Each structure stands twice: as structure tokens, then as C-alpha cells.
Amino acid sequence: MNEEDLDFQTLGFGQYEGKCPAEIAENDPSYVVWLYESGVQDPSRPDSATGHLVSRALYIDCRNACRDRDPR
């Protein structure tokens, strides 16, 4: 699996259970930033123990979107 595939794998936990990071990013980019930065693992996905649940590219896009929304 390449890193971008992570963005289309559904989550098995939390408020966005059943949604993939690419879908979540459209409405809640800060959650995607949190997923990446926290290093949280998805108990429903054994591959999550080896890395992130979100690609670095999507993380950067979401981080920039958050900055654009809150220009402090």
C-alpha cells in the first residue's frame, strides 16, 4: 500500500467511524491534523501500528486549511 492509500481507508473508531480521512478533510481538517500529529492507532486496522492513518500530503493540506481559517 502506498501512503496516499491511507487517505481512503475507513476509520474504525471515534466520531468519524466509517469515514476515510479524505472525506473528513472536507469538513473537519483539524481532525485530520490531529490524527496525523497524535500518532493515534486504529484498533480495527493492524497496519496502523506501523505508521500514520493519514498521508503526509493530506496532513499538510489540512494543516494549511486550518491556518487559512484561523490566521493568528
PDB file of N, CA and C in Angstrom:
ATOM      1  N   MET A   1       0.851  -1.170   0.000  1.00  0.00           N
ATOM      2  CA  MET A   1       0.000   0.000   0.000  1.00  0.00           C
ATOM      3  C   MET A   1       0.903   1.242   0.000  1.00  0.00           C
ATOM      4  N   ASN A   2       0.593   2.214  -0.877  1.00  0.00           N
ATOM      5  CA  ASN A   2       1.374   3.447  -0.820  1.00  0.00           C
ATOM      6  C   ASN A   2       0.719   4.417   0.162  1.00  0.00           C
ATOM      7  N   GLU A   3       1.439   5.442   0.509  1.00  0.00           N
ATOM      8  CA  GLU A   3       0.988   6.337   1.575  1.00  0.00           C
ATOM      9  C   GLU A   3      -0.355   7.002   1.264  1.00  0.00           C
ATOM     10  N   GLU A   4      -0.592   7.365   0.016  1.00  0.00           N
ATOM     11  CA  GLU A   4      -1.847   8.034  -0.333  1.00  0.00           C
ATOM     12  C   GLU A   4      -3.062   7.124  -0.130  1.00  0.00           C
ATOM     13  N   ASP A   5      -2.857   5.819  -0.166  1.00  0.00           N
ATOM     14  CA  ASP A   5      -3.957   4.880   0.082  1.00  0.00           C
ATOM     15  C   ASP A   5      -4.526   5.044   1.486  1.00  0.00           C
ATOM     16  N   LEU A   6      -3.706   5.515   2.423  1.00  0.00           N
ATOM     17  CA  LEU A   6      -4.165   5.726   3.796  1.00  0.00           C
ATOM     18  C   LEU A   6      -5.368   6.664   3.840  1.00  0.00           C
ATOM     19  N   ASP A   7      -5.395   7.629   2.939  1.00  0.00           N
ATOM     20  CA  ASP A   7      -6.445   8.644   2.951  1.00  0.00           C
ATOM     21  C   ASP A   7      -7.815   8.094   2.577  1.00  0.00           C
ATOM     22  N   PHE A   8      -7.843   6.875   2.052  1.00  0.00           N
ATOM     23  CA  PHE A   8      -9.104   6.278   1.604  1.00  0.00           C
ATOM     24  C   PHE A   8      -9.472   5.016   2.387  1.00  0.00           C
ATOM     25  N   GLN A   9      -8.772   4.785   3.498  1.00  0.00           N
ATOM     26  CA  GLN A   9      -9.067   3.674   4.395  1.00  0.00           C
ATOM     27  C   GLN A   9     -10.002   4.180   5.489  1.00  0.00           C
ATOM     28  N   THR A  10     -11.129   3.514   5.691  1.00  0.00           N
ATOM     29  CA  THR A  10     -12.086   3.978   6.691  1.00  0.00           C
ATOM     30  C   THR A  10     -11.542   3.780   8.104  1.00  0.00           C
ATOM     31  N   LEU A  11     -11.955   4.676   8.978  1.00  0.00           N
ATOM     32  CA  LEU A  11     -11.574   4.591  10.387  1.00  0.00           C
ATOM     33  C   LEU A  11     -12.545   3.678  11.115  1.00  0.00           C
ATOM     34  N   GLY A  12     -12.057   2.976  12.097  1.00  0.00           N
ATOM     35  CA  GLY A  12     -12.886   2.059  12.871  1.00  0.00           C
ATOM     36  C   GLY A  12     -13.107   2.513  14.298  1.00  0.00           C
ATOM     37  N   PHE A  13     -13.009   3.814  14.531  1.00  0.00           N
ATOM     38  CA  PHE A  13     -13.158   4.347  15.889  1.00  0.00           C
ATOM     39  C   PHE A  13     -13.569   5.816  15.818  1.00  0.00           C
ATOM     40  N   GLY A  14     -14.005   6.330  16.936  1.00  0.00           N
ATOM     41  CA  GLY A  14     -14.231   7.763  17.102  1.00  0.00           C
ATOM     42  C   GLY A  14     -15.450   8.333  16.395  1.00  0.00           C
ATOM     43  N   GLN A  15     -15.526   9.640  16.426  1.00  0.00           N
ATOM     44  CA  GLN A  15     -16.696  10.341  15.894  1.00  0.00           C
ATOM     45  C   GLN A  15     -16.841  10.198  14.385  1.00  0.00           C
ATOM     46  N   TYR A  16     -15.776   9.839  13.701  1.00  0.00           N
ATOM     47  CA  TYR A  16     -15.824   9.670  12.246  1.00  0.00           C
ATOM     48  C   TYR A  16     -15.682   8.202  11.838  1.00  0.00           C
ATOM     49  N   GLU A  17     -16.080   7.306  12.710  1.00  0.00           N
ATOM     50  CA  GLU A  17     -16.014   5.880  12.395  1.00  0.00           C
ATOM     51  C   GLU A  17     -16.771   5.612  11.092  1.00  0.00           C
ATOM     52  N   GLY A  18     -16.136   4.842  10.203  1.00  0.00           N
ATOM     53  CA  GLY A  18     -16.757   4.522   8.925  1.00  0.00           C
ATOM     54  C   GLY A  18     -16.437   5.499   7.812  1.00  0.00           C
ATOM     55  N   LYS A  19     -15.765   6.588   8.141  1.00  0.00           N
ATOM     56  CA  LYS A  19     -15.370   7.578   7.141  1.00  0.00           C
ATOM     57  C   LYS A  19     -13.857   7.498   6.937  1.00  0.00           C
ATOM     58  N   CYS A  20     -13.412   7.920   5.773  1.00  0.00           N
ATOM     59  CA  CYS A  20     -11.976   7.925   5.498  1.00  0.00           C
ATOM     60  C   CYS A  20     -11.425   9.347   5.677  1.00  0.00           C
ATOM     61  N   PRO A  21     -10.133   9.477   5.920  1.00  0.00           N
ATOM     62  CA  PRO A  21      -9.537  10.799   6.131  1.00  0.00           C
ATOM     63  C   PRO A  21      -9.817  11.783   5.001  1.00  0.00           C
ATOM     64  N   ALA A  22      -9.863  11.320   3.756  1.00  0.00           N
ATOM     65  CA  ALA A  22     -10.137  12.229   2.639  1.00  0.00           C
ATOM     66  C   ALA A  22     -11.529  12.843   2.771  1.00  0.00           C
ATOM     67  N   GLU A  23     -12.508  12.072   3.228  1.00  0.00           N
ATOM     68  CA  GLU A  23     -13.862  12.591   3.449  1.00  0.00           C
ATOM     69  C   GLU A  23     -13.882  13.561   4.628  1.00  0.00           C
ATOM     70  N   ILE A  24     -13.220  13.196   5.692  1.00  0.00           N
ATOM     71  CA  ILE A  24     -13.196  14.012   6.904  1.00  0.00           C
ATOM     72  C   ILE A  24     -12.557  15.367   6.620  1.00  0.00           C
ATOM     73  N   ALA A  25     -11.528  15.367   5.791  1.00  0.00           N
ATOM     74  CA  ALA A  25     -10.788  16.596   5.489  1.00  0.00           C
ATOM     75  C   ALA A  25     -11.667  17.677   4.888  1.00  0.00           C
ATOM     76  N   GLU A  26     -12.714  17.282   4.180  1.00  0.00           N
ATOM     77  CA  GLU A  26     -13.583  18.257   3.537  1.00  0.00           C
ATOM     78  C   GLU A  26     -14.289  19.160   4.542  1.00  0.00           C
ATOM     79  N   ASN A  27     -14.658  18.618   5.697  1.00  0.00           N
ATOM     80  CA  ASN A  27     -15.415  19.384   6.680  1.00  0.00           C
ATOM     81  C   ASN A  27     -14.699  19.647   7.997  1.00  0.00           C
ATOM     82  N   ASP A  28     -13.702  18.833   8.307  1.00  0.00           N
ATOM     83  CA  ASP A  28     -13.024  18.966   9.596  1.00  0.00           C
ATOM     84  C   ASP A  28     -11.521  18.714   9.447  1.00  0.00           C
ATOM     85  N   PRO A  29     -10.823  19.605   8.747  1.00  0.00           N
ATOM     86  CA  PRO A  29      -9.391  19.386   8.537  1.00  0.00           C
ATOM     87  C   PRO A  29      -8.597  19.324   9.837  1.00  0.00           C
ATOM     88  N   SER A  30      -9.081  19.968  10.882  1.00  0.00           N
ATOM     89  CA  SER A  30      -8.345  19.933  12.151  1.00  0.00           C
ATOM     90  C   SER A  30      -8.315  18.518  12.737  1.00  0.00           C
ATOM     91  N   TYR A  31      -9.334  17.722  12.480  1.00  0.00           N
ATOM     92  CA  TYR A  31      -9.341  16.336  12.950  1.00  0.00           C
ATOM     93  C   TYR A  31      -8.272  15.523  12.228  1.00  0.00           C
ATOM     94  N   VAL A  32      -8.115  15.779  10.936  1.00  0.00           N
ATOM     95  CA  VAL A  32      -7.089  15.077  10.162  1.00  0.00           C
ATOM     96  C   VAL A  32      -5.699  15.464  10.667  1.00  0.00           C
ATOM     97  N   VAL A  33      -5.514  16.736  10.992  1.00  0.00           N
ATOM     98  CA  VAL A  33      -4.243  17.185  11.567  1.00  0.00           C
ATOM     99  C   VAL A  33      -3.997  16.460  12.885  1.00  0.00           C
ATOM    100  N   TRP A  34      -5.015  16.363  13.705  1.00  0.00           N
ATOM    101  CA  TRP A  34      -4.887  15.660  14.981  1.00  0.00           C
ATOM    102  C   TRP A  34      -4.530  14.188  14.762  1.00  0.00           C
ATOM    103  N   LEU A  35      -5.202  13.534  13.809  1.00  0.00           N
ATOM    104  CA  LEU A  35      -4.895  12.127  13.526  1.00  0.00           C
ATOM    105  C   LEU A  35      -3.421  11.940  13.207  1.00  0.00           C
ATOM    106  N   TYR A  36      -2.898  12.826  12.387  1.00  0.00           N
ATOM    107  CA  TYR A  36      -1.505  12.702  11.962  1.00  0.00           C
ATOM    108  C   TYR A  36      -0.543  13.005  13.112  1.00  0.00           C
ATOM    109  N   GLU A  37      -0.783  14.103  13.802  1.00  0.00           N
ATOM    110  CA  GLU A  37       0.154  14.553  14.839  1.00  0.00           C
ATOM    111  C   GLU A  37       0.106  13.707  16.108  1.00  0.00           C
ATOM    112  N   SER A  38      -1.044  13.140  16.411  1.00  0.00           N
ATOM    113  CA  SER A  38      -1.169  12.381  17.661  1.00  0.00           C
ATOM    114  C   SER A  38      -0.557  10.987  17.564  1.00  0.00           C
ATOM    115  N   GLY A  39      -0.460  10.465  16.344  1.00  0.00           N
ATOM    116  CA  GLY A  39       0.053   9.109  16.191  1.00  0.00           C
ATOM    117  C   GLY A  39      -0.923   8.067  16.692  1.00  0.00           C
ATOM    118  N   VAL A  40      -2.184   8.437  16.820  1.00  0.00           N
ATOM    119  CA  VAL A  40      -3.210   7.502  17.290  1.00  0.00           C
ATOM    120  C   VAL A  40      -3.256   6.290  16.358  1.00  0.00           C
ATOM    121  N   GLN A  41      -3.568   5.139  16.932  1.00  0.00           N
ATOM    122  CA  GLN A  41      -3.680   3.906  16.155  1.00  0.00           C
ATOM    123  C   GLN A  41      -5.139   3.472  16.113  1.00  0.00           C
ATOM    124  N   ASP A  42      -5.522   2.857  15.013  1.00  0.00           N
ATOM    125  CA  ASP A  42      -6.886   2.375  14.830  1.00  0.00           C
ATOM    126  C   ASP A  42      -6.916   0.896  15.182  1.00  0.00           C
ATOM    127  N   PRO A  43      -7.623   0.517  16.245  1.00  0.00           N
ATOM    128  CA  PRO A  43      -7.642  -0.889  16.645  1.00  0.00           C
ATOM    129  C   PRO A  43      -8.241  -1.821  15.591  1.00  0.00           C
ATOM    130  N   SER A  44      -9.008  -1.273  14.657  1.00  0.00           N
ATOM    131  CA  SER A  44      -9.600  -2.113  13.609  1.00  0.00           C
ATOM    132  C   SER A  44      -8.654  -2.324  12.429  1.00  0.00           C
ATOM    133  N   ARG A  45      -7.516  -1.619  12.433  1.00  0.00           N
ATOM    134  CA  ARG A  45      -6.552  -1.721  11.329  1.00  0.00           C
ATOM    135  C   ARG A  45      -5.179  -2.090  11.862  1.00  0.00           C
ATOM    136  N   PRO A  46      -4.794  -3.331  11.735  1.00  0.00           N
ATOM    137  CA  PRO A  46      -3.490  -3.761  12.261  1.00  0.00           C
ATOM    138  C   PRO A  46      -2.323  -2.995  11.650  1.00  0.00           C
ATOM    139  N   ASP A  47      -2.473  -2.512  10.408  1.00  0.00           N
ATOM    140  CA  ASP A  47      -1.387  -1.771   9.761  1.00  0.00           C
ATOM    141  C   ASP A  47      -1.148  -0.411  10.403  1.00  0.00           C
ATOM    142  N   SER A  48      -2.103   0.087  11.187  1.00  0.00           N
ATOM    143  CA  SER A  48      -1.941   1.414  11.784  1.00  0.00           C
ATOM    144  C   SER A  48      -0.831   1.439  12.830  1.00  0.00           C
ATOM    145  N   ALA A  49      -0.462   0.303  13.351  1.00  0.00           N
ATOM    146  CA  ALA A  49       0.596   0.249  14.361  1.00  0.00           C
ATOM    147  C   ALA A  49       1.968   0.567  13.764  1.00  0.00           C
ATOM    148  N   THR A  50       2.069   0.523  12.454  1.00  0.00           N
ATOM    149  CA  THR A  50       3.360   0.762  11.816  1.00  0.00           C
ATOM    150  C   THR A  50       3.514   2.186  11.290  1.00  0.00           C
ATOM    151  N   GLY A  51       2.523   3.024  11.491  1.00  0.00           N
ATOM    152  CA  GLY A  51       2.647   4.395  10.994  1.00  0.00           C
ATOM    153  C   GLY A  51       1.378   5.200  11.177  1.00  0.00           C
ATOM    154  N   HIS A  52       1.220   6.190  10.347  1.00  0.00           N
ATOM    155  CA  HIS A  52       0.102   7.119  10.438  1.00  0.00           C
ATOM    156  C   HIS A  52      -1.161   6.566   9.789  1.00  0.00           C
ATOM    157  N   LEU A  53      -2.279   7.207  10.098  1.00  0.00           N
ATOM    158  CA  LEU A  53      -3.561   6.873   9.481  1.00  0.00           C
ATOM    159  C   LEU A  53      -3.871   7.807   8.316  1.00  0.00           C
ATOM    160  N   VAL A  54      -3.012   8.801   8.116  1.00  0.00           N
ATOM    161  CA  VAL A  54      -3.207   9.851   7.116  1.00  0.00           C
ATOM    162  C   VAL A  54      -1.890  10.064   6.378  1.00  0.00           C
ATOM    163  N   SER A  55      -1.966  10.326   5.085  1.00  0.00           N
ATOM    164  CA  SER A  55      -0.735  10.605   4.333  1.00  0.00           C
ATOM    165  C   SER A  55      -0.175  11.971   4.737  1.00  0.00           C
ATOM    166  N   ARG A  56       1.097  12.115   4.566  1.00  0.00           N
ATOM    167  CA  ARG A  56       1.733  13.407   4.854  1.00  0.00           C
ATOM    168  C   ARG A  56       1.160  14.503   3.953  1.00  0.00           C
ATOM    169  N   ALA A  57       0.865  14.186   2.712  1.00  0.00           N
ATOM    170  CA  ALA A  57       0.320  15.178   1.773  1.00  0.00           C
ATOM    171  C   ALA A  57      -1.031  15.705   2.246  1.00  0.00           C
ATOM    172  N   LEU A  58      -1.921  14.812   2.681  1.00  0.00           N
ATOM    173  CA  LEU A  58      -3.230  15.262   3.171  1.00  0.00           C
ATOM    174  C   LEU A  58      -3.066  16.039   4.470  1.00  0.00           C
ATOM    175  N   TYR A  59      -2.174  15.582   5.323  1.00  0.00           N
ATOM    176  CA  TYR A  59      -1.893  16.301   6.569  1.00  0.00           C
ATOM    177  C   TYR A  59      -1.471  17.744   6.282  1.00  0.00           C
ATOM    178  N   ILE A  60      -0.559  17.930   5.353  1.00  0.00           N
ATOM    179  CA  ILE A  60      -0.084  19.286   5.027  1.00  0.00           C
ATOM    180  C   ILE A  60      -1.218  20.132   4.454  1.00  0.00           C
ATOM    181  N   ASP A  61      -2.027  19.552   3.575  1.00  0.00           N
ATOM    182  CA  ASP A  61      -3.172  20.284   3.024  1.00  0.00           C
ATOM    183  C   ASP A  61      -4.121  20.721   4.133  1.00  0.00           C
ATOM    184  N   CYS A  62      -4.402  19.832   5.063  1.00  0.00           N
ATOM    185  CA  CYS A  62      -5.316  20.147   6.160  1.00  0.00           C
ATOM    186  C   CYS A  62      -4.716  21.165   7.128  1.00  0.00           C
ATOM    187  N   ARG A  63      -3.441  21.024   7.390  1.00  0.00           N
ATOM    188  CA  ARG A  63      -2.762  21.992   8.268  1.00  0.00           C
ATOM    189  C   ARG A  63      -2.838  23.387   7.653  1.00  0.00           C
ATOM    190  N   ASN A  64      -2.607  23.480   6.357  1.00  0.00           N
ATOM    191  CA  ASN A  64      -2.703  24.773   5.669  1.00  0.00           C
ATOM    192  C   ASN A  64      -4.126  25.295   5.672  1.00  0.00           C
ATOM    193  N   ALA A  65      -5.102  24.429   5.506  1.00  0.00           N
ATOM    194  CA  ALA A  65      -6.509  24.847   5.535  1.00  0.00           C
ATOM    195  C   ALA A  65      -6.865  25.406   6.907  1.00  0.00           C
ATOM    196  N   CYS A  66      -6.347  24.784   7.956  1.00  0.00           N
ATOM    197  CA  CYS A  66      -6.609  25.280   9.313  1.00  0.00           C
ATOM    198  C   CYS A  66      -5.979  26.656   9.516  1.00  0.00           C
ATOM    199  N   ARG A  67      -4.796  26.850   8.984  1.00  0.00           N
ATOM    200  CA  ARG A  67      -4.138  28.149   9.099  1.00  0.00           C
ATOM    201  C   ARG A  67      -4.910  29.219   8.341  1.00  0.00           C
ATOM    202  N   ASP A  68      -5.452  28.870   7.173  1.00  0.00           N
ATOM    203  CA  ASP A  68      -6.231  29.814   6.386  1.00  0.00           C
ATOM    204  C   ASP A  68      -7.508  30.224   7.108  1.00  0.00           C
ATOM    205  N   ARG A  69      -8.089  29.303   7.866  1.00  0.00           N
ATOM    206  CA  ARG A  69      -9.317  29.592   8.620  1.00  0.00           C
ATOM    207  C   ARG A  69      -9.038  30.447   9.845  1.00  0.00           C
ATOM    208  N   ASP A  70      -7.872  30.268  10.446  1.00  0.00           N
ATOM    209  CA  ASP A  70      -7.529  30.970  11.682  1.00  0.00           C
ATOM    210  C   ASP A  70      -6.131  31.583  11.512  1.00  0.00           C
ATOM    211  N   PRO A  71      -6.046  32.763  10.918  1.00  0.00           N
ATOM    212  CA  PRO A  71      -4.741  33.344  10.570  1.00  0.00           C
ATOM    213  C   PRO A  71      -3.949  33.964  11.720  1.00  0.00           C
ATOM    214  N   ARG A  72      -4.059  33.456  12.924  1.00  0.00           N
ATOM    215  CA  ARG A  72      -3.315  34.016  14.060  1.00  0.00           C
ATOM    216  C   ARG A  72      -1.857  33.845  13.901  1.00  0.00           C
TER     217      ARG A  72
END
